[in-house]
Amino acid sequence: MCESIYIFGQELNIRHLTSLLESSALKSVSLKNIVVNNASNSSMNKKEIENFVKSKTNKNVIVEVD
């Protein structure tokens, strides 16, 4: 199982990000220089992305968004 995910320099739709976050065993997620678009195709801010990642994995995952 994968414990860490690192994504750099991507523009992602929220559905694509969801497919990467399927493991509840994740301990850390680093998202550097990315844009995440929500269902209405508008960009999500850092806090929205962090909350979304935690809702799809677990509340203890370490999330870094830059």
Protein backbone atom coordinates (compact mmCIF):
# COMPACT_ATOMS: atom_id res chain seq x y z
CA MET A 1 0.00 0.00 0.00
CA CYS A 2 1.05 3.53 -0.71
CA GLU A 3 1.63 5.71 2.38
CA SER A 4 2.56 8.96 0.61
CA ILE A 5 1.48 10.79 -2.51
CA TYR A 6 3.43 13.63 -4.11
CA ILE A 7 1.94 15.55 -7.03
CA PHE A 8 3.81 18.43 -8.67
CA GLY A 9 2.83 20.90 -11.37
CA GLN A 10 -0.55 19.52 -12.38
CA GLU A 11 -4.02 20.85 -13.06
CA LEU A 12 -6.51 18.31 -11.74
CA ASN A 13 -10.24 17.93 -11.76
CA ILE A 14 -11.59 16.92 -8.37
CA ARG A 15 -12.62 13.51 -9.81
CA HIS A 16 -9.01 12.80 -10.82
CA LEU A 17 -7.74 13.77 -7.39
CA THR A 18 -10.37 11.53 -5.77
CA SER A 19 -9.12 8.50 -7.69
CA LEU A 20 -5.61 9.08 -6.29
CA LEU A 21 -6.84 9.26 -2.69
CA GLU A 22 -8.58 5.91 -2.39
CA SER A 23 -6.29 4.46 0.27
CA SER A 24 -7.22 5.10 3.90
CA ALA A 25 -3.64 3.99 4.74
CA LEU A 26 -2.20 7.27 3.43
CA LYS A 27 -0.04 9.13 5.92
CA SER A 28 0.92 12.15 3.83
CA VAL A 29 -0.16 13.99 0.70
CA SER A 30 2.03 16.71 -0.84
CA LEU A 31 0.54 18.85 -3.58
CA LYS A 32 3.04 21.35 -5.00
CA ASN A 33 2.29 23.90 -7.70
CA ILE A 34 -1.10 22.42 -8.55
CA VAL A 35 -4.58 23.65 -9.37
CA VAL A 36 -7.61 21.60 -8.34
CA ASN A 37 -10.90 22.42 -10.03
CA ASN A 38 -14.12 21.48 -8.25
CA ALA A 39 -17.29 20.10 -9.86
CA SER A 40 -18.31 23.56 -11.10
CA ASN A 41 -14.84 23.93 -12.69
CA SER A 42 -13.64 26.71 -10.39
CA SER A 43 -10.30 26.55 -8.56
CA MET A 44 -10.30 25.36 -4.97
CA ASN A 45 -8.27 27.22 -2.35
CA LYS A 46 -5.66 25.53 -0.13
CA LYS A 47 -8.01 24.99 2.83
CA GLU A 48 -10.71 23.48 0.60
CA ILE A 49 -8.16 21.09 -0.90
CA GLU A 50 -6.85 20.10 2.53
CA ASN A 51 -10.36 19.44 3.87
CA PHE A 52 -11.27 17.47 0.75
CA VAL A 53 -8.17 15.25 1.01
CA LYS A 54 -8.89 14.54 4.68
CA SER A 55 -12.51 13.70 3.91
CA LYS A 56 -11.43 11.16 1.27
CA THR A 57 -8.63 9.57 3.33
CA ASN A 58 -8.51 10.03 7.09
CA LYS A 59 -8.45 12.97 9.45
CA ASN A 60 -4.87 12.26 10.57
CA VAL A 61 -3.25 12.45 7.14
CA ILE A 62 -0.62 15.18 6.78
CA VAL A 63 -1.55 17.44 3.88
CA GLU A 64 0.85 19.97 2.33
CA VAL A 65 -0.55 22.30 -0.32
CA ASP A 66 1.74 24.91 -1.93
